[in-house]
Amino acid sequence: MSTALSARWIDRASPRARARLAGVFEALEGLTSSVGQVLILGGLIVSGDAAATATNILAHETRFRLGFAISLLGVAFHVAWVALFYDLFKPVSRRLSLLTAFVGLTVCAMQAVTSLLYLAPLEVLQGGPSLNGMTAAQLQALVMVFLKLNARAFEVDLAFFGLWCILAGYLIFRSTFLPRILGVLLMIDGLGWATYLSPPLGHALFSFIAAASALAEIPLQFWLIVKGVNSERWIEQARGAGELRGESIAGAGLQ
């Protein structure tokens, strides 16, 4: 399906269908990010042991590359999710929805940078002639530097994601087509992730942040996928905000 046809299908899909699709992409992004960055990469790192970490990466190259590919896939899912969310919440506030989308795309950009840093250790270990002047110990130390940069980039990503959650939660709270409690929980979740502006604080509060995340993000995904939005109320709010074109009223069906 071409990009133009895809955009036209999304434009003509009902609000409920768009909400369900957004929920699917949100769930896929969360799954791929967790598997690629946390389970696969995290499972190969031996804390404080550069030699063992380098050995693990080289011994499990296919697994390592799979984690990189999964992480990149997560970026694509995130872009789709941000675009659908923007389209869905324009009736609430076009300006705020646009700002939320901009922050969301910033998160996607940081995610992409994190993914590139993910691949850097393998490139160092297989660097060939360009790195012949370095000893094995120096290469292993450089690998740990890139892994630390990957972790720092991931933390910046989480901080911006927290800001996205706060803005998105406020949009949900102001909407008439989703339960307001979902917005409140997402804003609380966002405040938690925003503590990664100071990584030591984020790490110290991680147990509470993880609990808030589970209470906010899982119910939101479940609601979007299973229930979508109240199409009648979405159309009513869109019409009131002047966001619903004449031809879209008929195409926005209530299914």
Protein backbone atom coordinates (compact mmCIF):
# COMPACT_ATOMS: atom_id res chain seq x y z
CA MET A 1 0.00 0.00 0.00
CA SER A 2 1.46 3.39 -0.99
CA THR A 3 2.01 6.21 1.50
CA ALA A 4 -0.73 8.27 -0.16
CA LEU A 5 -3.22 5.41 0.03
CA SER A 6 -2.28 4.73 3.65
CA ALA A 7 -2.80 8.39 4.58
CA ARG A 8 -6.14 8.43 2.77
CA TRP A 9 -7.26 5.26 4.56
CA ILE A 10 -6.35 6.74 7.96
CA ASP A 11 -8.17 9.98 7.10
CA ARG A 12 -11.34 8.10 6.13
CA ALA A 13 -11.21 5.57 8.98
CA SER A 14 -13.57 6.04 11.89
CA PRO A 15 -12.21 7.65 15.08
CA ARG A 16 -12.65 4.31 16.84
CA ALA A 17 -10.59 2.50 14.19
CA ARG A 18 -7.84 5.13 14.40
CA ALA A 19 -7.78 4.88 18.18
CA ARG A 20 -7.48 1.10 18.02
CA LEU A 21 -4.64 1.38 15.52
CA ALA A 22 -2.89 3.90 17.78
CA GLY A 23 -3.23 1.46 20.69
CA VAL A 24 -1.73 -1.35 18.61
CA PHE A 25 1.27 0.77 17.60
CA GLU A 26 1.74 1.96 21.19
CA ALA A 27 1.80 -1.65 22.42
CA LEU A 28 4.19 -2.72 19.65
CA GLU A 29 6.55 0.16 20.40
CA GLY A 30 6.64 -0.68 24.10
CA LEU A 31 7.26 -4.35 23.34
CA THR A 32 10.04 -3.81 20.81
CA SER A 33 11.80 -1.18 22.93
CA SER A 34 11.76 -3.42 25.99
CA VAL A 35 12.93 -6.52 24.10
CA GLY A 36 15.66 -4.76 22.11
CA GLN A 37 17.09 -2.36 24.66
CA VAL A 38 16.43 -4.10 27.98
CA LEU A 39 16.16 -7.85 27.44
CA ILE A 40 18.61 -8.45 24.58
CA LEU A 41 21.22 -5.73 25.09
CA GLY A 42 20.91 -5.80 28.88
CA GLY A 43 21.32 -9.56 28.85
CA LEU A 44 24.71 -9.29 27.13
CA ILE A 45 26.23 -6.67 29.40
CA VAL A 46 28.29 -7.84 32.38
CA SER A 47 28.42 -4.92 34.79
CA GLY A 48 31.96 -3.80 35.52
CA ASP A 49 33.55 -6.41 33.24
CA ALA A 50 34.50 -5.01 29.83
CA ALA A 51 36.20 -8.22 28.65
CA ALA A 52 33.21 -10.43 29.47
CA THR A 53 30.81 -7.96 27.84
CA ALA A 54 32.89 -7.84 24.65
CA THR A 55 33.07 -11.65 24.60
CA ASN A 56 29.30 -11.89 24.97
CA ILE A 57 28.66 -9.47 22.10
CA LEU A 58 31.00 -11.31 19.74
CA ALA A 59 29.73 -14.75 20.80
CA HIS A 60 26.11 -13.72 20.29
CA GLU A 61 26.43 -11.47 17.25
CA THR A 62 23.18 -12.65 15.64
CA ARG A 63 21.28 -12.01 18.87
CA PHE A 64 22.94 -8.60 19.20
CA ARG A 65 22.02 -7.59 15.63
CA LEU A 66 18.48 -8.83 16.17
CA GLY A 67 18.19 -6.56 19.20
CA PHE A 68 19.40 -3.63 17.09
CA ALA A 69 16.84 -4.41 14.36
CA ILE A 70 14.04 -4.73 16.91
CA SER A 71 15.02 -1.37 18.44
CA LEU A 72 14.87 0.31 15.02
CA LEU A 73 11.48 -1.26 14.41
CA GLY A 74 10.37 0.32 17.67
CA VAL A 75 11.25 3.75 16.28
CA ALA A 76 8.99 3.15 13.27
CA PHE A 77 6.13 2.01 15.50
CA HIS A 78 6.62 5.10 17.67
CA VAL A 79 6.44 7.49 14.70
CA ALA A 80 3.16 5.88 13.58
CA TRP A 81 1.78 6.07 17.11
CA VAL A 82 2.68 9.77 17.48
CA ALA A 83 1.07 10.61 14.11
CA LEU A 84 -2.16 8.76 14.93
CA PHE A 85 -2.34 10.33 18.39
CA TYR A 86 -1.96 13.81 16.89
CA ASP A 87 -4.74 13.15 14.39
CA LEU A 88 -6.99 11.72 17.07
CA PHE A 89 -6.62 14.61 19.52
CA LYS A 90 -6.72 17.61 17.16
CA PRO A 91 -10.39 18.18 18.15
CA VAL A 92 -9.32 18.72 21.77
CA SER A 93 -6.67 21.35 20.94
CA ARG A 94 -4.84 21.61 17.64
CA ARG A 95 -1.96 23.64 19.13
CA LEU A 96 -1.49 21.40 22.15
CA SER A 97 -1.82 18.29 20.02
CA LEU A 98 0.83 19.68 17.65
CA LEU A 99 3.15 20.43 20.58
CA THR A 100 2.59 16.91 21.89
CA ALA A 101 3.43 15.50 18.46
CA PHE A 102 6.62 17.59 18.32
CA VAL A 103 7.73 16.25 21.70
CA GLY A 104 6.79 12.74 20.56
CA LEU A 105 8.92 13.07 17.43
CA THR A 106 11.80 14.31 19.61
CA VAL A 107 11.43 11.09 21.59
CA CYS A 108 11.55 9.15 18.31
CA ALA A 109 14.73 10.98 17.28
CA MET A 110 16.37 10.17 20.61
CA GLN A 111 15.24 6.58 20.19
CA ALA A 112 16.97 6.45 16.81
CA VAL A 113 20.19 7.89 18.27
CA THR A 114 20.03 5.31 21.06
CA SER A 115 19.65 2.56 18.45
CA LEU A 116 22.73 3.78 16.55
CA LEU A 117 24.75 3.78 19.77
CA TYR A 118 23.43 0.25 20.34
CA LEU A 119 25.30 -0.92 17.23
CA ALA A 120 28.53 0.96 17.98
CA PRO A 121 30.13 -1.70 20.28
CA LEU A 122 29.97 -4.35 17.57
CA GLU A 123 31.43 -1.94 15.02
CA VAL A 124 34.32 -1.26 17.43
CA LEU A 125 34.98 -4.95 18.06
CA GLN A 126 34.91 -5.68 14.32
CA GLY A 127 36.55 -2.41 13.32
CA GLY A 128 39.30 -3.96 11.21
CA PRO A 129 42.39 -1.99 10.11
CA SER A 130 41.07 1.37 11.30
CA LEU A 131 41.39 0.22 14.91
CA ASN A 132 44.53 -1.93 14.59
CA GLY A 133 46.52 0.50 16.71
CA MET A 134 44.41 -0.23 19.79
CA THR A 135 44.97 -3.09 22.19
CA ALA A 136 42.21 -5.58 23.06
CA ALA A 137 41.82 -3.94 26.46
CA GLN A 138 41.45 -0.50 24.88
CA LEU A 139 38.83 -1.79 22.43
CA GLN A 140 36.90 -3.38 25.29
CA ALA A 141 37.05 -0.13 27.26
CA LEU A 142 35.75 1.77 24.21
CA VAL A 143 32.90 -0.71 23.96
CA MET A 144 31.89 0.09 27.53
CA VAL A 145 32.03 3.82 26.75
CA PHE A 146 29.55 3.35 23.89
CA LEU A 147 27.30 1.19 26.06
CA LYS A 148 27.30 3.92 28.71
CA LEU A 149 26.44 6.51 26.05
CA ASN A 150 23.62 4.24 24.91
CA ALA A 151 22.31 4.13 28.48
CA ARG A 152 22.57 7.92 28.86
CA ALA A 153 20.75 8.48 25.55
CA PHE A 154 18.04 6.07 26.70
CA GLU A 155 17.63 8.08 29.90
CA VAL A 156 17.23 11.33 27.90
CA ASP A 157 14.67 9.48 25.79
CA LEU A 158 12.76 8.52 28.95
CA ALA A 159 12.79 12.13 30.22
CA PHE A 160 11.28 13.44 26.96
CA PHE A 161 8.82 10.55 26.99
CA GLY A 162 7.75 11.73 30.43
CA LEU A 163 7.01 15.18 29.01
CA TRP A 164 5.02 13.53 26.20
CA CYS A 165 2.99 11.57 28.77
CA ILE A 166 2.16 14.74 30.71
CA LEU A 167 0.96 16.56 27.57
CA ALA A 168 -0.88 13.52 26.19
CA GLY A 169 -2.49 12.86 29.56
CA TYR A 170 -3.76 16.44 29.67
CA LEU A 171 -5.25 16.04 26.18
CA ILE A 172 -6.99 12.86 27.28
CA PHE A 173 -8.26 14.62 30.40
CA ARG A 174 -9.71 17.46 28.31
CA SER A 175 -11.26 15.13 25.75
CA THR A 176 -14.87 14.03 25.90
CA PHE A 177 -14.30 10.68 24.16
CA LEU A 178 -11.95 8.90 26.59
CA PRO A 179 -12.20 8.36 30.38
CA ARG A 180 -10.54 11.23 32.21
CA ILE A 181 -8.92 8.87 34.72
CA LEU A 182 -6.69 7.55 31.91
CA GLY A 183 -5.37 11.06 31.41
CA VAL A 184 -4.72 11.59 35.12
CA LEU A 185 -2.83 8.30 35.40
CA LEU A 186 -0.77 9.11 32.29
CA MET A 187 0.21 12.53 33.68
CA ILE A 188 1.36 10.89 36.93
CA ASP A 189 3.30 8.36 34.87
CA GLY A 190 4.90 11.22 32.93
CA LEU A 191 6.04 12.94 36.10
CA GLY A 192 7.79 9.73 37.05
CA TRP A 193 9.66 9.34 33.76
CA ALA A 194 10.56 13.04 33.82
CA THR A 195 12.72 12.37 36.91
CA TYR A 196 15.26 10.91 34.46
CA LEU A 197 16.27 14.52 33.82
CA SER A 198 18.40 13.60 36.84
CA PRO A 199 19.25 9.93 36.17
CA PRO A 200 20.28 9.10 39.77
CA LEU A 201 16.85 10.26 40.95
CA GLY A 202 15.12 8.25 38.22
CA HIS A 203 17.06 5.11 39.18
CA ALA A 204 16.30 5.62 42.85
CA LEU A 205 12.56 5.93 42.14
CA PHE A 206 12.43 3.26 39.44
CA SER A 207 10.19 0.86 41.40
CA PHE A 208 7.56 3.58 41.86
CA ILE A 209 7.94 4.75 38.25
CA ALA A 210 7.48 1.21 36.95
CA ALA A 211 4.32 0.81 39.05
CA ALA A 212 2.93 4.14 37.79
CA SER A 213 3.79 3.13 34.23
CA ALA A 214 1.95 -0.17 34.55
CA LEU A 215 -1.11 1.53 36.05
CA ALA A 216 -1.23 4.16 33.28
CA GLU A 217 0.14 2.76 30.03
CA ILE A 218 -1.31 -0.77 30.13
CA PRO A 219 -4.92 0.38 30.80
CA LEU A 220 -4.59 3.06 28.09
CA GLN A 221 -3.35 0.54 25.53
CA PHE A 222 -6.05 -1.93 26.54
CA TRP A 223 -8.77 0.71 26.32
CA LEU A 224 -7.64 1.99 22.93
CA ILE A 225 -7.32 -1.48 21.41
CA VAL A 226 -10.52 -2.95 22.84
CA LYS A 227 -12.86 0.05 23.11
CA GLY A 228 -11.25 2.72 20.97
CA VAL A 229 -12.97 6.06 21.54
CA ASN A 230 -16.57 7.16 21.73
CA SER A 231 -17.02 8.10 18.07
CA GLU A 232 -20.18 10.14 18.65
CA ARG A 233 -18.44 12.31 21.23
CA TRP A 234 -15.31 12.58 19.08
CA ILE A 235 -17.37 13.84 16.14
CA GLU A 236 -19.23 16.25 18.40
CA GLN A 237 -15.99 17.67 19.82
CA ALA A 238 -14.38 17.81 16.37
CA ARG A 239 -17.38 19.64 14.94
CA GLY A 240 -17.28 22.11 17.83
CA ALA A 241 -13.58 22.76 17.24
CA GLY A 242 -14.09 23.17 13.49
CA GLU A 243 -11.86 20.16 12.76
CA LEU A 244 -14.44 18.09 10.89
CA ARG A 245 -14.75 18.75 7.18
CA GLY A 246 -18.03 18.11 5.44
CA GLU A 247 -16.86 15.03 3.59
CA SER A 248 -15.23 13.66 6.71
CA ILE A 249 -18.49 13.59 8.65
CA ALA A 250 -19.82 10.89 6.38
CA GLY A 251 -16.46 9.09 6.21
CA ALA A 252 -15.92 9.16 9.96
CA GLY A 253 -18.51 6.39 10.56
CA LEU A 254 -19.31 5.26 14.03
CA GLN A 255 -17.97 1.72 13.74
